[in-house]
Structures are given as C-alpha cells and as structure tokens.
Amino acid sequence: MPELDLDVHLTEEDLAAALREDARSGLTATPKRLPPKYFYDARGSALFEEITRLPEYYPTRAEREILADRAGAIARITGAKVLVELGSGSSEKTRLLLDALREHGTLGSFVPLDVSGAALRDALGQLHAEYPDLHLHGIVADFVNHLEVLPDSGTRLVAFLGGTIGNFTPAERAPFLAALRARLSPGEWLLLGADLVKDPAVLVPAYDDAAGVTAQFNRNVLHVLNRELSADFDPGSFAHVALWDEAEEWIEMRLRATRPMTVRVADLDLDVTFAGGEELRTEVSAKFRRDGLTAELATAGFAVRDWWTDRAGRFALTLAVAVAV
C-alpha cells in the first residue's frame, strides 16, 4: 500500500512566536494591522466554511465550477505526477484535480501543505480512505517561508487556490511568486485561483453578508489574541467594516473601535490604545485583471498557458508553466 508521510517544519512553538511578533508589530503600527492568517483557529475555520456556503460569497462556488469544467483539461495539459497544494485545508475542491489526474493515469502523489498540523492530519486521514492507492505526503509548513521543503520527485503541478494570492499586497506577491518559480523546474506548472475585479455591489456583500457570519469571522481574531496572548479585547466593542479600495483594487476588512479604549496584551506586556472610530486592518483581498496577473506571472518566470473563468466571469483559474530564466 502507498505510504502516508507527514513532515513537520512548523511547530506550535514556531506559530506562537510568529503570533507574538506579528501582534506586537501590527498593534503598534500606524495604522494598526494584523495578518489574516490568525483568523483560522478551529472556530475561525468553521466560520469560514459557513461563509463559503452563504449566498453572497461567490468565490468558492465559482472556483469549484471552473475546476469541475476544466480539471480534465488540466490533467491532459500538465501530465502531472505530483500535485502540490499550498494552504490545503480540507482539500475539498482539490479532489476534482485528484480525480482527473488519476483518470489521466499520471498522478503518483499528492502533497498538501498547511500551517495547521491538526487540520492536515484530519485531511490526510480522509484522503487516505478515499485514495488508498495514492502516495500522500503532508507538510506542516508556511508556504511563504518554507517553499524549499517541497519534494522534487516528478513533474509537479502546484495548486494555489481560493483567491489566497489576493491576501498579498503587490509588494509581497512579487517575491512570493519569484520564490515559487525558483523552486520549480522549467516545464512544471502553477494553477492559480484569483478573484476578479467587478462591481463593488457584488464584491462588498461577499465580505459583509446579511447574516453577519463574516463579522463574526473578522472579530474572531480578537478572540485568538485574548486566548493566545492573554489580551482583554472586548470583541463586541469592534464593528466589522468591509470596503472597496478602488485605487488599489482590493477589499479591506477592518475592525472599528466603537468607543475609546485601552487593551492590555499581558503576554507582550503591551497596552494598546484605540481612539473611538479607530480601525484595525485585518485583511486585504486583492482582485485581479487578466493583463495585470499575466504580467506579474511573467515577471516571476511563468508563462500563462490557459485562463479560465466561471460562466459569470467572476473568478479565474490561471494555468501557467515555469519557463527558463
């Protein structure tokens, strides 16, 4: 029976140290900010799964539609022997790629990479039951800092789905894409999911749903800080804000203090003062245009082979090949 491997390059101690560093730098910055990765504890992950089923939140459905339509073509074009998924989570949509690549007859192994060891172990257990003939090689790591640990054992297709590329600012995307290209050989592949620029009347409700689930998700980062850093945030005193920045072409999620307050973060020996109405930025979600994304990929050393959208033109999957540089 094929092996099931799990490599750990990121420990709970590493994650705790990163949270302390990010919280200290972000809460003392002007304006204040926190990285979106801290939404995703167990409660936050469950809330996000709920968000993906909301009527306003189209990206997950749109990307799944494209994968359902194009997975067979992706398998034929790439002939990938190894499927790598960055930020894999439950790998739900990725099963469409796994099925297509297995049917094509080339796939030998699947390499899901995620920061959460617990989530990855759960996902690997389910995948092993569903794909007993497939070699599974889970990697607990941060895809920003640990790309060098990706195994090199056959033609690879790296899937970076869900529009997560939008959580990088342009200044962050360029080095990330360059580092990913440096880890691949010419002729290997990147499948990139990206949300597209569209009417703010469609975009903003996807991040500010009528049921208030996204507001709970946004405030969850304060619960994480309270639990992990012995902070005393009152999440109910922060309003959820989602807005479209037309100049940057991204959605920003923020938490707005509804009153003046001072928050104690005991584990950092830090007091954080908020003025009434002051905002803490918790996420940037950039939206893309075809020409711009193609140019960014070209700069990093990728040539776009195919560009597919869902039938409503809301979301895109880009299949790009690493070229000689």
C-alpha atoms as a PDB file:
ATOM      1  CA  MET A   1       0.000   0.000   0.000  1.00  0.00           C
ATOM      2  CA  PRO A   2       1.335   3.505  -0.829  1.00  0.00           C
ATOM      3  CA  GLU A   3       2.862   5.441   2.020  1.00  0.00           C
ATOM      4  CA  LEU A   4       1.313   8.259   4.053  1.00  0.00           C
ATOM      5  CA  ASP A   5       4.030  10.656   5.194  1.00  0.00           C
ATOM      6  CA  LEU A   6       3.863  13.763   7.352  1.00  0.00           C
ATOM      7  CA  ASP A   7       6.769  16.190   7.651  1.00  0.00           C
ATOM      8  CA  VAL A   8       6.627  18.927  10.276  1.00  0.00           C
ATOM      9  CA  HIS A   9       8.619  22.092   9.570  1.00  0.00           C
ATOM     10  CA  LEU A  10       6.459  24.387  11.681  1.00  0.00           C
ATOM     11  CA  THR A  11       5.788  23.605  15.341  1.00  0.00           C
ATOM     12  CA  GLU A  12       3.247  25.028  17.757  1.00  0.00           C
ATOM     13  CA  GLU A  13       6.126  26.941  19.337  1.00  0.00           C
ATOM     14  CA  ASP A  14       7.001  28.458  15.957  1.00  0.00           C
ATOM     15  CA  LEU A  15       3.398  29.538  15.429  1.00  0.00           C
ATOM     16  CA  ALA A  16       3.219  31.062  18.910  1.00  0.00           C
ATOM     17  CA  ALA A  17       6.434  33.023  18.341  1.00  0.00           C
ATOM     18  CA  ALA A  18       5.149  34.306  14.982  1.00  0.00           C
ATOM     19  CA  LEU A  19       1.886  35.421  16.573  1.00  0.00           C
ATOM     20  CA  ARG A  20       3.743  37.334  19.272  1.00  0.00           C
ATOM     21  CA  GLU A  21       5.927  39.054  16.691  1.00  0.00           C
ATOM     22  CA  ASP A  22       3.067  39.876  14.328  1.00  0.00           C
ATOM     23  CA  ALA A  23       0.813  41.115  17.130  1.00  0.00           C
ATOM     24  CA  ARG A  24       3.479  43.367  18.602  1.00  0.00           C
ATOM     25  CA  SER A  25       4.462  44.906  15.263  1.00  0.00           C
ATOM     26  CA  GLY A  26       0.888  45.192  13.982  1.00  0.00           C
ATOM     27  CA  LEU A  27      -0.742  46.606  17.097  1.00  0.00           C
ATOM     28  CA  THR A  28       1.970  49.251  17.477  1.00  0.00           C
ATOM     29  CA  ALA A  29       1.905  50.260  13.790  1.00  0.00           C
ATOM     30  CA  THR A  30       0.089  53.255  12.344  1.00  0.00           C
ATOM     31  CA  PRO A  31      -2.463  52.347  11.166  1.00  0.00           C
ATOM     32  CA  LYS A  32      -2.872  49.170  13.197  1.00  0.00           C
ATOM     33  CA  ARG A  33      -2.979  45.854  11.322  1.00  0.00           C
ATOM     34  CA  LEU A  34      -2.946  42.071  11.786  1.00  0.00           C
ATOM     35  CA  PRO A  35      -2.282  39.314   9.211  1.00  0.00           C
ATOM     36  CA  PRO A  36      -5.397  37.391   8.108  1.00  0.00           C
ATOM     37  CA  LYS A  37      -3.825  34.014   8.870  1.00  0.00           C
ATOM     38  CA  TYR A  38      -4.794  34.463  12.524  1.00  0.00           C
ATOM     39  CA  PHE A  39      -8.491  34.192  11.710  1.00  0.00           C
ATOM     40  CA  TYR A  40      -8.100  30.468  11.244  1.00  0.00           C
ATOM     41  CA  ASP A  41      -8.187  28.714  14.573  1.00  0.00           C
ATOM     42  CA  ALA A  42     -10.764  25.914  14.878  1.00  0.00           C
ATOM     43  CA  ARG A  43     -13.629  28.359  15.385  1.00  0.00           C
ATOM     44  CA  GLY A  44     -12.454  30.650  12.606  1.00  0.00           C
ATOM     45  CA  SER A  45     -12.055  27.766  10.173  1.00  0.00           C
ATOM     46  CA  ALA A  46     -15.594  26.596  10.944  1.00  0.00           C
ATOM     47  CA  LEU A  47     -16.908  30.129  10.405  1.00  0.00           C
ATOM     48  CA  PHE A  48     -15.105  30.363   7.078  1.00  0.00           C
ATOM     49  CA  GLU A  49     -16.645  27.083   5.954  1.00  0.00           C
ATOM     50  CA  GLU A  50     -20.013  28.648   6.800  1.00  0.00           C
ATOM     51  CA  ILE A  51     -19.086  31.761   4.805  1.00  0.00           C
ATOM     52  CA  THR A  52     -18.366  29.675   1.705  1.00  0.00           C
ATOM     53  CA  ARG A  53     -21.983  28.479   1.750  1.00  0.00           C
ATOM     54  CA  LEU A  54     -23.526  31.960   2.050  1.00  0.00           C
ATOM     55  CA  PRO A  55     -25.428  33.313  -0.967  1.00  0.00           C
ATOM     56  CA  GLU A  56     -23.263  36.443  -1.094  1.00  0.00           C
ATOM     57  CA  TYR A  57     -19.942  34.588  -1.111  1.00  0.00           C
ATOM     58  CA  TYR A  58     -19.419  33.536  -4.719  1.00  0.00           C
ATOM     59  CA  PRO A  59     -15.622  32.750  -4.932  1.00  0.00           C
ATOM     60  CA  THR A  60     -15.768  29.158  -3.652  1.00  0.00           C
ATOM     61  CA  ARG A  61     -18.679  28.195  -5.893  1.00  0.00           C
ATOM     62  CA  ALA A  62     -17.167  29.958  -8.898  1.00  0.00           C
ATOM     63  CA  GLU A  63     -13.793  28.256  -8.488  1.00  0.00           C
ATOM     64  CA  ARG A  64     -15.413  24.859  -7.999  1.00  0.00           C
ATOM     65  CA  GLU A  65     -17.400  25.428 -11.213  1.00  0.00           C
ATOM     66  CA  ILE A  66     -14.200  26.076 -13.154  1.00  0.00           C
ATOM     67  CA  LEU A  67     -12.468  23.046 -11.674  1.00  0.00           C
ATOM     68  CA  ALA A  68     -15.436  20.830 -12.483  1.00  0.00           C
ATOM     69  CA  ASP A  69     -15.330  22.041 -16.100  1.00  0.00           C
ATOM     70  CA  ARG A  70     -11.551  22.124 -16.599  1.00  0.00           C
ATOM     71  CA  ALA A  71      -9.928  19.517 -14.364  1.00  0.00           C
ATOM     72  CA  GLY A  72      -9.725  17.021 -17.230  1.00  0.00           C
ATOM     73  CA  ALA A  73      -8.005  19.566 -19.465  1.00  0.00           C
ATOM     74  CA  ILE A  74      -5.584  20.485 -16.672  1.00  0.00           C
ATOM     75  CA  ALA A  75      -4.654  16.822 -16.269  1.00  0.00           C
ATOM     76  CA  ARG A  76      -4.098  16.362 -20.020  1.00  0.00           C
ATOM     77  CA  ILE A  77      -2.050  19.552 -20.422  1.00  0.00           C
ATOM     78  CA  THR A  78       0.202  19.106 -17.398  1.00  0.00           C
ATOM     79  CA  GLY A  79       0.527  15.320 -17.167  1.00  0.00           C
ATOM     80  CA  ALA A  80       1.496  15.997 -13.564  1.00  0.00           C
ATOM     81  CA  LYS A  81       2.956  13.191 -11.493  1.00  0.00           C
ATOM     82  CA  VAL A  82       2.853  15.199  -8.258  1.00  0.00           C
ATOM     83  CA  LEU A  83       0.053  17.549  -7.189  1.00  0.00           C
ATOM     84  CA  VAL A  84       1.124  20.084  -4.560  1.00  0.00           C
ATOM     85  CA  GLU A  85      -1.457  22.232  -2.786  1.00  0.00           C
ATOM     86  CA  LEU A  86      -0.377  25.338  -0.877  1.00  0.00           C
ATOM     87  CA  GLY A  87      -2.644  26.186   2.052  1.00  0.00           C
ATOM     88  CA  SER A  88      -4.531  22.960   1.575  1.00  0.00           C
ATOM     89  CA  GLY A  89      -7.046  23.000   4.434  1.00  0.00           C
ATOM     90  CA  SER A  90      -9.544  20.202   3.815  1.00  0.00           C
ATOM     91  CA  SER A  91      -8.573  19.891   0.109  1.00  0.00           C
ATOM     92  CA  GLU A  92     -12.268  19.662  -0.766  1.00  0.00           C
ATOM     93  CA  LYS A  93     -12.127  21.279  -4.214  1.00  0.00           C
ATOM     94  CA  THR A  94      -8.756  19.665  -4.899  1.00  0.00           C
ATOM     95  CA  ARG A  95     -10.445  16.286  -5.151  1.00  0.00           C
ATOM     96  CA  LEU A  96     -11.645  17.356  -8.610  1.00  0.00           C
ATOM     97  CA  LEU A  97      -7.982  17.646  -9.676  1.00  0.00           C
ATOM     98  CA  LEU A  98      -7.011  14.425  -7.924  1.00  0.00           C
ATOM     99  CA  ASP A  99      -9.768  12.525  -9.714  1.00  0.00           C
ATOM    100  CA  ALA A 100      -8.872  13.981 -13.114  1.00  0.00           C
ATOM    101  CA  LEU A 101      -5.142  13.321 -12.735  1.00  0.00           C
ATOM    102  CA  ARG A 102      -5.748   9.756 -11.561  1.00  0.00           C
ATOM    103  CA  GLU A 103      -8.065   9.140 -14.501  1.00  0.00           C
ATOM    104  CA  HIS A 104      -5.410  10.527 -16.822  1.00  0.00           C
ATOM    105  CA  GLY A 105      -3.028   7.978 -15.351  1.00  0.00           C
ATOM    106  CA  THR A 106      -0.075  10.171 -14.390  1.00  0.00           C
ATOM    107  CA  LEU A 107      -0.606  11.054 -10.745  1.00  0.00           C
ATOM    108  CA  GLY A 108       1.607   9.287  -8.218  1.00  0.00           C
ATOM    109  CA  SER A 109       1.457  11.501  -5.162  1.00  0.00           C
ATOM    110  CA  PHE A 110      -0.369  14.395  -3.511  1.00  0.00           C
ATOM    111  CA  VAL A 111       1.500  16.891  -1.327  1.00  0.00           C
ATOM    112  CA  PRO A 112      -0.829  19.080   0.771  1.00  0.00           C
ATOM    113  CA  LEU A 113       0.922  21.864   2.709  1.00  0.00           C
ATOM    114  CA  ASP A 114      -0.739  23.724   5.567  1.00  0.00           C
ATOM    115  CA  VAL A 115       0.249  25.575   8.750  1.00  0.00           C
ATOM    116  CA  SER A 116      -2.179  23.570  10.877  1.00  0.00           C
ATOM    117  CA  GLY A 117      -0.853  20.159  11.796  1.00  0.00           C
ATOM    118  CA  ALA A 118      -4.189  19.090  13.293  1.00  0.00           C
ATOM    119  CA  ALA A 119      -6.163  20.081  10.205  1.00  0.00           C
ATOM    120  CA  LEU A 120      -3.632  18.405   7.937  1.00  0.00           C
ATOM    121  CA  ARG A 121      -3.724  15.153   9.896  1.00  0.00           C
ATOM    122  CA  ASP A 122      -7.523  15.092   9.685  1.00  0.00           C
ATOM    123  CA  ALA A 123      -7.440  15.796   5.944  1.00  0.00           C
ATOM    124  CA  LEU A 124      -4.795  13.125   5.329  1.00  0.00           C
ATOM    125  CA  GLY A 125      -6.864  10.543   7.168  1.00  0.00           C
ATOM    126  CA  GLN A 126      -9.884  11.267   4.986  1.00  0.00           C
ATOM    127  CA  LEU A 127      -7.819  11.354   1.800  1.00  0.00           C
ATOM    128  CA  HIS A 128      -6.125   8.069   2.626  1.00  0.00           C
ATOM    129  CA  ALA A 129      -9.532   6.423   2.984  1.00  0.00           C
ATOM    130  CA  GLU A 130     -10.730   7.905  -0.318  1.00  0.00           C
ATOM    131  CA  TYR A 131      -7.493   7.393  -2.309  1.00  0.00           C
ATOM    132  CA  PRO A 132      -5.822   4.302  -0.821  1.00  0.00           C
ATOM    133  CA  ASP A 133      -3.624   3.839  -3.902  1.00  0.00           C
ATOM    134  CA  LEU A 134      -2.189   7.368  -3.783  1.00  0.00           C
ATOM    135  CA  HIS A 135       1.027   8.336  -2.001  1.00  0.00           C
ATOM    136  CA  LEU A 136       0.163  11.170   0.402  1.00  0.00           C
ATOM    137  CA  HIS A 137       2.925  13.433   1.703  1.00  0.00           C
ATOM    138  CA  GLY A 138       1.608  16.074   4.092  1.00  0.00           C
ATOM    139  CA  ILE A 139       3.818  19.003   5.038  1.00  0.00           C
ATOM    140  CA  VAL A 140       3.162  21.221   8.063  1.00  0.00           C
ATOM    141  CA  ALA A 141       4.754  24.480   6.954  1.00  0.00           C
ATOM    142  CA  ASP A 142       4.176  28.100   5.984  1.00  0.00           C
ATOM    143  CA  PHE A 143       4.073  28.486   2.202  1.00  0.00           C
ATOM    144  CA  VAL A 144       5.603  31.946   2.446  1.00  0.00           C
ATOM    145  CA  ASN A 145       8.720  30.795   4.291  1.00  0.00           C
ATOM    146  CA  HIS A 146       9.119  27.091   3.560  1.00  0.00           C
ATOM    147  CA  LEU A 147       8.830  26.563  -0.185  1.00  0.00           C
ATOM    148  CA  GLU A 148      12.255  24.907  -0.172  1.00  0.00           C
ATOM    149  CA  VAL A 149      10.767  21.856   1.580  1.00  0.00           C
ATOM    150  CA  LEU A 150       8.554  20.905  -1.369  1.00  0.00           C
ATOM    151  CA  PRO A 151       9.610  17.462  -2.605  1.00  0.00           C
ATOM    152  CA  ASP A 152      11.110  17.195  -6.076  1.00  0.00           C
ATOM    153  CA  SER A 153      10.046  13.773  -7.327  1.00  0.00           C
ATOM    154  CA  GLY A 154       8.443  14.149 -10.749  1.00  0.00           C
ATOM    155  CA  THR A 155       6.633  16.755 -12.819  1.00  0.00           C
ATOM    156  CA  ARG A 156       4.778  18.938 -10.342  1.00  0.00           C
ATOM    157  CA  LEU A 157       1.566  20.918 -10.557  1.00  0.00           C
ATOM    158  CA  VAL A 158       1.347  23.445  -7.713  1.00  0.00           C
ATOM    159  CA  ALA A 159      -2.234  24.456  -6.907  1.00  0.00           C
ATOM    160  CA  PHE A 160      -2.711  27.747  -5.063  1.00  0.00           C
ATOM    161  CA  LEU A 161      -6.457  28.092  -4.916  1.00  0.00           C
ATOM    162  CA  GLY A 162      -9.213  30.054  -3.229  1.00  0.00           C
ATOM    163  CA  GLY A 163      -8.007  33.507  -4.240  1.00  0.00           C
ATOM    164  CA  THR A 164      -5.464  33.407  -1.391  1.00  0.00           C
ATOM    165  CA  ILE A 165      -2.959  35.192  -3.648  1.00  0.00           C
ATOM    166  CA  GLY A 166      -5.118  38.260  -3.061  1.00  0.00           C
ATOM    167  CA  ASN A 167      -4.071  38.370   0.603  1.00  0.00           C
ATOM    168  CA  PHE A 168      -0.640  39.519  -0.566  1.00  0.00           C
ATOM    169  CA  THR A 169      -0.049  43.154  -1.437  1.00  0.00           C
ATOM    170  CA  PRO A 170       1.704  43.691  -4.786  1.00  0.00           C
ATOM    171  CA  ALA A 171       4.996  44.216  -2.933  1.00  0.00           C
ATOM    172  CA  GLU A 172       4.512  40.831  -1.237  1.00  0.00           C
ATOM    173  CA  ARG A 173       3.259  38.955  -4.310  1.00  0.00           C
ATOM    174  CA  ALA A 174       6.347  39.595  -6.421  1.00  0.00           C
ATOM    175  CA  PRO A 175       8.881  37.899  -4.096  1.00  0.00           C
ATOM    176  CA  PHE A 176       6.458  35.066  -3.321  1.00  0.00           C
ATOM    177  CA  LEU A 177       5.861  34.237  -6.990  1.00  0.00           C
ATOM    178  CA  ALA A 178       9.602  34.550  -7.709  1.00  0.00           C
ATOM    179  CA  ALA A 179      10.430  32.190  -4.831  1.00  0.00           C
ATOM    180  CA  LEU A 180       7.855  29.682  -6.064  1.00  0.00           C
ATOM    181  CA  ARG A 181       9.267  29.850  -9.587  1.00  0.00           C
ATOM    182  CA  ALA A 182      12.783  29.307  -8.206  1.00  0.00           C
ATOM    183  CA  ARG A 183      11.591  26.086  -6.558  1.00  0.00           C
ATOM    184  CA  LEU A 184      10.197  24.704  -9.833  1.00  0.00           C
ATOM    185  CA  SER A 185      11.985  23.403 -12.908  1.00  0.00           C
ATOM    186  CA  PRO A 186      11.154  24.647 -16.414  1.00  0.00           C
ATOM    187  CA  GLY A 187       8.089  22.792 -17.630  1.00  0.00           C
ATOM    188  CA  GLU A 188       6.488  22.430 -14.210  1.00  0.00           C
ATOM    189  CA  TRP A 189       3.142  24.061 -13.517  1.00  0.00           C
ATOM    190  CA  LEU A 190       1.235  26.542 -11.367  1.00  0.00           C
ATOM    191  CA  LEU A 191      -2.562  26.579 -11.119  1.00  0.00           C
ATOM    192  CA  LEU A 192      -3.562  29.879  -9.542  1.00  0.00           C
ATOM    193  CA  GLY A 193      -7.039  30.857  -8.366  1.00  0.00           C
ATOM    194  CA  ALA A 194      -7.720  34.604  -8.416  1.00  0.00           C
ATOM    195  CA  ASP A 195     -10.832  36.681  -7.806  1.00  0.00           C
ATOM    196  CA  LEU A 196     -11.525  39.274 -10.487  1.00  0.00           C
ATOM    197  CA  VAL A 197     -12.301  42.990 -10.377  1.00  0.00           C
ATOM    198  CA  LYS A 198     -16.051  43.517 -10.597  1.00  0.00           C
ATOM    199  CA  ASP A 199     -18.911  45.724  -9.455  1.00  0.00           C
ATOM    200  CA  PRO A 200     -18.468  46.676  -5.768  1.00  0.00           C
ATOM    201  CA  ALA A 201     -22.165  45.871  -5.349  1.00  0.00           C
ATOM    202  CA  VAL A 202     -21.160  42.228  -5.826  1.00  0.00           C
ATOM    203  CA  LEU A 203     -17.770  42.378  -4.116  1.00  0.00           C
ATOM    204  CA  VAL A 204     -18.604  44.113  -0.849  1.00  0.00           C
ATOM    205  CA  PRO A 205     -21.539  41.871   0.218  1.00  0.00           C
ATOM    206  CA  ALA A 206     -19.246  38.841  -0.200  1.00  0.00           C
ATOM    207  CA  TYR A 207     -17.275  40.270   2.753  1.00  0.00           C
ATOM    208  CA  ASP A 208     -20.213  41.784   4.631  1.00  0.00           C
ATOM    209  CA  ASP A 209     -23.040  39.262   4.474  1.00  0.00           C
ATOM    210  CA  ALA A 210     -26.545  39.949   5.711  1.00  0.00           C
ATOM    211  CA  ALA A 211     -26.398  37.148   8.298  1.00  0.00           C
ATOM    212  CA  GLY A 212     -23.296  38.637   9.954  1.00  0.00           C
ATOM    213  CA  VAL A 213     -21.171  35.498   9.666  1.00  0.00           C
ATOM    214  CA  THR A 214     -18.217  37.405   8.181  1.00  0.00           C
ATOM    215  CA  ALA A 215     -18.457  39.902  11.044  1.00  0.00           C
ATOM    216  CA  GLN A 216     -18.081  37.020  13.499  1.00  0.00           C
ATOM    217  CA  PHE A 217     -15.172  35.686  11.465  1.00  0.00           C
ATOM    218  CA  ASN A 218     -13.474  39.085  11.482  1.00  0.00           C
ATOM    219  CA  ARG A 219     -13.875  39.531  15.237  1.00  0.00           C
ATOM    220  CA  ASN A 220     -12.559  36.018  15.811  1.00  0.00           C
ATOM    221  CA  VAL A 221      -9.008  37.324  15.507  1.00  0.00           C
ATOM    222  CA  LEU A 222      -9.616  39.228  18.757  1.00  0.00           C
ATOM    223  CA  HIS A 223     -10.706  36.007  20.467  1.00  0.00           C
ATOM    224  CA  VAL A 224      -7.463  34.425  19.233  1.00  0.00           C
ATOM    225  CA  LEU A 225      -5.408  37.254  20.765  1.00  0.00           C
ATOM    226  CA  ASN A 226      -7.340  37.009  24.028  1.00  0.00           C
ATOM    227  CA  ARG A 227      -6.732  33.271  24.273  1.00  0.00           C
ATOM    228  CA  GLU A 228      -3.170  33.040  22.978  1.00  0.00           C
ATOM    229  CA  LEU A 229      -1.687  36.281  24.340  1.00  0.00           C
ATOM    230  CA  SER A 230      -3.827  36.874  27.447  1.00  0.00           C
ATOM    231  CA  ALA A 231      -5.297  40.035  25.925  1.00  0.00           C
ATOM    232  CA  ASP A 232      -8.530  41.624  27.127  1.00  0.00           C
ATOM    233  CA  PHE A 233     -10.135  42.759  23.877  1.00  0.00           C
ATOM    234  CA  ASP A 234     -13.909  43.204  24.050  1.00  0.00           C
ATOM    235  CA  PRO A 235     -14.861  41.898  20.579  1.00  0.00           C
ATOM    236  CA  GLY A 236     -18.348  43.359  20.943  1.00  0.00           C
ATOM    237  CA  SER A 237     -16.834  46.846  21.022  1.00  0.00           C
ATOM    238  CA  PHE A 238     -15.474  46.492  17.489  1.00  0.00           C
ATOM    239  CA  ALA A 239     -17.634  46.892  14.391  1.00  0.00           C
ATOM    240  CA  HIS A 240     -16.980  44.863  11.264  1.00  0.00           C
ATOM    241  CA  VAL A 241     -16.060  47.005   8.248  1.00  0.00           C
ATOM    242  CA  ALA A 242     -15.618  45.848   4.640  1.00  0.00           C
ATOM    243  CA  LEU A 243     -14.841  48.400   1.949  1.00  0.00           C
ATOM    244  CA  TRP A 244     -13.697  48.524  -1.657  1.00  0.00           C
ATOM    245  CA  ASP A 245     -10.495  50.482  -2.330  1.00  0.00           C
ATOM    246  CA  GLU A 246     -10.889  51.487  -5.959  1.00  0.00           C
ATOM    247  CA  ALA A 247      -7.331  52.770  -6.338  1.00  0.00           C
ATOM    248  CA  GLU A 248      -5.731  49.553  -5.032  1.00  0.00           C
ATOM    249  CA  GLU A 249      -8.484  47.315  -6.419  1.00  0.00           C
ATOM    250  CA  TRP A 250      -8.820  45.359  -3.219  1.00  0.00           C
ATOM    251  CA  ILE A 251     -11.303  44.717  -0.439  1.00  0.00           C
ATOM    252  CA  GLU A 252     -10.169  45.692   3.043  1.00  0.00           C
ATOM    253  CA  MET A 253     -11.641  44.168   6.153  1.00  0.00           C
ATOM    254  CA  ARG A 254     -11.241  46.215   9.289  1.00  0.00           C
ATOM    255  CA  LEU A 255     -12.385  46.249  12.890  1.00  0.00           C
ATOM    256  CA  ARG A 256     -13.536  49.699  14.034  1.00  0.00           C
ATOM    257  CA  ALA A 257     -13.429  50.614  17.720  1.00  0.00           C
ATOM    258  CA  THR A 258     -16.885  51.844  18.718  1.00  0.00           C
ATOM    259  CA  ARG A 259     -15.508  53.680  21.753  1.00  0.00           C
ATOM    260  CA  PRO A 260     -12.139  54.828  23.118  1.00  0.00           C
ATOM    261  CA  MET A 261     -10.406  52.018  24.952  1.00  0.00           C
ATOM    262  CA  THR A 262      -7.076  50.649  26.129  1.00  0.00           C
ATOM    263  CA  VAL A 263      -6.455  46.948  25.632  1.00  0.00           C
ATOM    264  CA  ARG A 264      -3.948  45.051  27.723  1.00  0.00           C
ATOM    265  CA  VAL A 265      -1.966  42.303  25.955  1.00  0.00           C
ATOM    266  CA  ALA A 266      -0.451  40.713  29.026  1.00  0.00           C
ATOM    267  CA  ASP A 267       1.879  38.227  27.348  1.00  0.00           C
ATOM    268  CA  LEU A 268       3.516  41.066  25.419  1.00  0.00           C
ATOM    269  CA  ASP A 269       3.483  43.477  28.380  1.00  0.00           C
ATOM    270  CA  LEU A 270       1.753  45.844  25.966  1.00  0.00           C
ATOM    271  CA  ASP A 271      -1.055  48.377  26.338  1.00  0.00           C
ATOM    272  CA  VAL A 272      -2.807  49.246  23.065  1.00  0.00           C
ATOM    273  CA  THR A 273      -4.867  52.422  22.913  1.00  0.00           C
ATOM    274  CA  PHE A 274      -7.745  52.820  20.465  1.00  0.00           C
ATOM    275  CA  ALA A 275      -9.494  56.107  19.768  1.00  0.00           C
ATOM    276  CA  GLY A 276     -13.217  55.938  19.114  1.00  0.00           C
ATOM    277  CA  GLY A 277     -13.629  55.123  15.430  1.00  0.00           C
ATOM    278  CA  GLU A 278     -10.026  53.940  15.023  1.00  0.00           C
ATOM    279  CA  GLU A 279      -9.647  50.937  12.729  1.00  0.00           C
ATOM    280  CA  LEU A 280      -7.519  47.808  12.807  1.00  0.00           C
ATOM    281  CA  ARG A 281      -6.950  46.299   9.345  1.00  0.00           C
ATOM    282  CA  THR A 282      -7.326  42.536   9.398  1.00  0.00           C
ATOM    283  CA  GLU A 283      -7.332  41.562   5.723  1.00  0.00           C
ATOM    284  CA  VAL A 284      -6.565  42.764   2.229  1.00  0.00           C
ATOM    285  CA  SER A 285      -8.187  40.773  -0.574  1.00  0.00           C
ATOM    286  CA  ALA A 286      -6.864  41.975  -3.925  1.00  0.00           C
ATOM    287  CA  LYS A 287      -8.884  41.473  -7.096  1.00  0.00           C
ATOM    288  CA  PHE A 288      -7.237  40.964 -10.462  1.00  0.00           C
ATOM    289  CA  ARG A 289      -7.434  41.727 -14.158  1.00  0.00           C
ATOM    290  CA  ARG A 290      -6.122  39.281 -16.738  1.00  0.00           C
ATOM    291  CA  ASP A 291      -3.434  41.542 -18.185  1.00  0.00           C
ATOM    292  CA  GLY A 292      -2.092  42.520 -14.781  1.00  0.00           C
ATOM    293  CA  LEU A 293      -1.884  38.994 -13.432  1.00  0.00           C
ATOM    294  CA  THR A 294      -0.311  37.705 -16.640  1.00  0.00           C
ATOM    295  CA  ALA A 295       2.351  40.414 -16.348  1.00  0.00           C
ATOM    296  CA  GLU A 296       3.073  39.590 -12.698  1.00  0.00           C
ATOM    297  CA  LEU A 297       3.464  35.921 -13.541  1.00  0.00           C
ATOM    298  CA  ALA A 298       5.737  36.720 -16.484  1.00  0.00           C
ATOM    299  CA  THR A 299       7.969  38.835 -14.261  1.00  0.00           C
ATOM    300  CA  ALA A 300       8.308  35.871 -11.898  1.00  0.00           C
ATOM    301  CA  GLY A 301       9.175  33.450 -14.714  1.00  0.00           C
ATOM    302  CA  PHE A 302       5.810  31.880 -15.595  1.00  0.00           C
ATOM    303  CA  ALA A 303       4.109  31.850 -18.990  1.00  0.00           C
ATOM    304  CA  VAL A 304       0.323  31.678 -18.944  1.00  0.00           C
ATOM    305  CA  ARG A 305      -0.888  28.620 -20.848  1.00  0.00           C
ATOM    306  CA  ASP A 306      -4.626  28.920 -20.135  1.00  0.00           C
ATOM    307  CA  TRP A 307      -7.025  31.308 -18.410  1.00  0.00           C
ATOM    308  CA  TRP A 308     -10.475  30.082 -17.467  1.00  0.00           C
ATOM    309  CA  THR A 309     -13.356  31.829 -15.710  1.00  0.00           C
ATOM    310  CA  ASP A 310     -16.659  30.655 -14.352  1.00  0.00           C
ATOM    311  CA  ARG A 311     -19.627  31.285 -16.612  1.00  0.00           C
ATOM    312  CA  ALA A 312     -20.467  34.542 -14.841  1.00  0.00           C
ATOM    313  CA  GLY A 313     -16.876  35.825 -15.256  1.00  0.00           C
ATOM    314  CA  ARG A 314     -16.360  36.407 -11.540  1.00  0.00           C
ATOM    315  CA  PHE A 315     -13.307  34.252 -10.783  1.00  0.00           C
ATOM    316  CA  ALA A 316     -10.355  32.913 -12.785  1.00  0.00           C
ATOM    317  CA  LEU A 317      -8.088  29.906 -12.768  1.00  0.00           C
ATOM    318  CA  THR A 318      -4.754  30.550 -14.474  1.00  0.00           C
ATOM    319  CA  LEU A 319      -2.609  27.645 -15.634  1.00  0.00           C
ATOM    320  CA  ALA A 320       0.981  28.820 -16.029  1.00  0.00           C
ATOM    321  CA  VAL A 321       4.181  26.965 -16.861  1.00  0.00           C
ATOM    322  CA  ALA A 322       7.609  27.695 -15.415  1.00  0.00           C
ATOM    323  CA  VAL A 323       9.899  28.908 -18.186  1.00  0.00           C
ATOM    324  CA  ALA A 324      13.668  29.085 -18.359  1.00  0.00           C
ATOM    325  CA  VAL A 325      15.018  32.246 -16.747  1.00  0.00           C
END
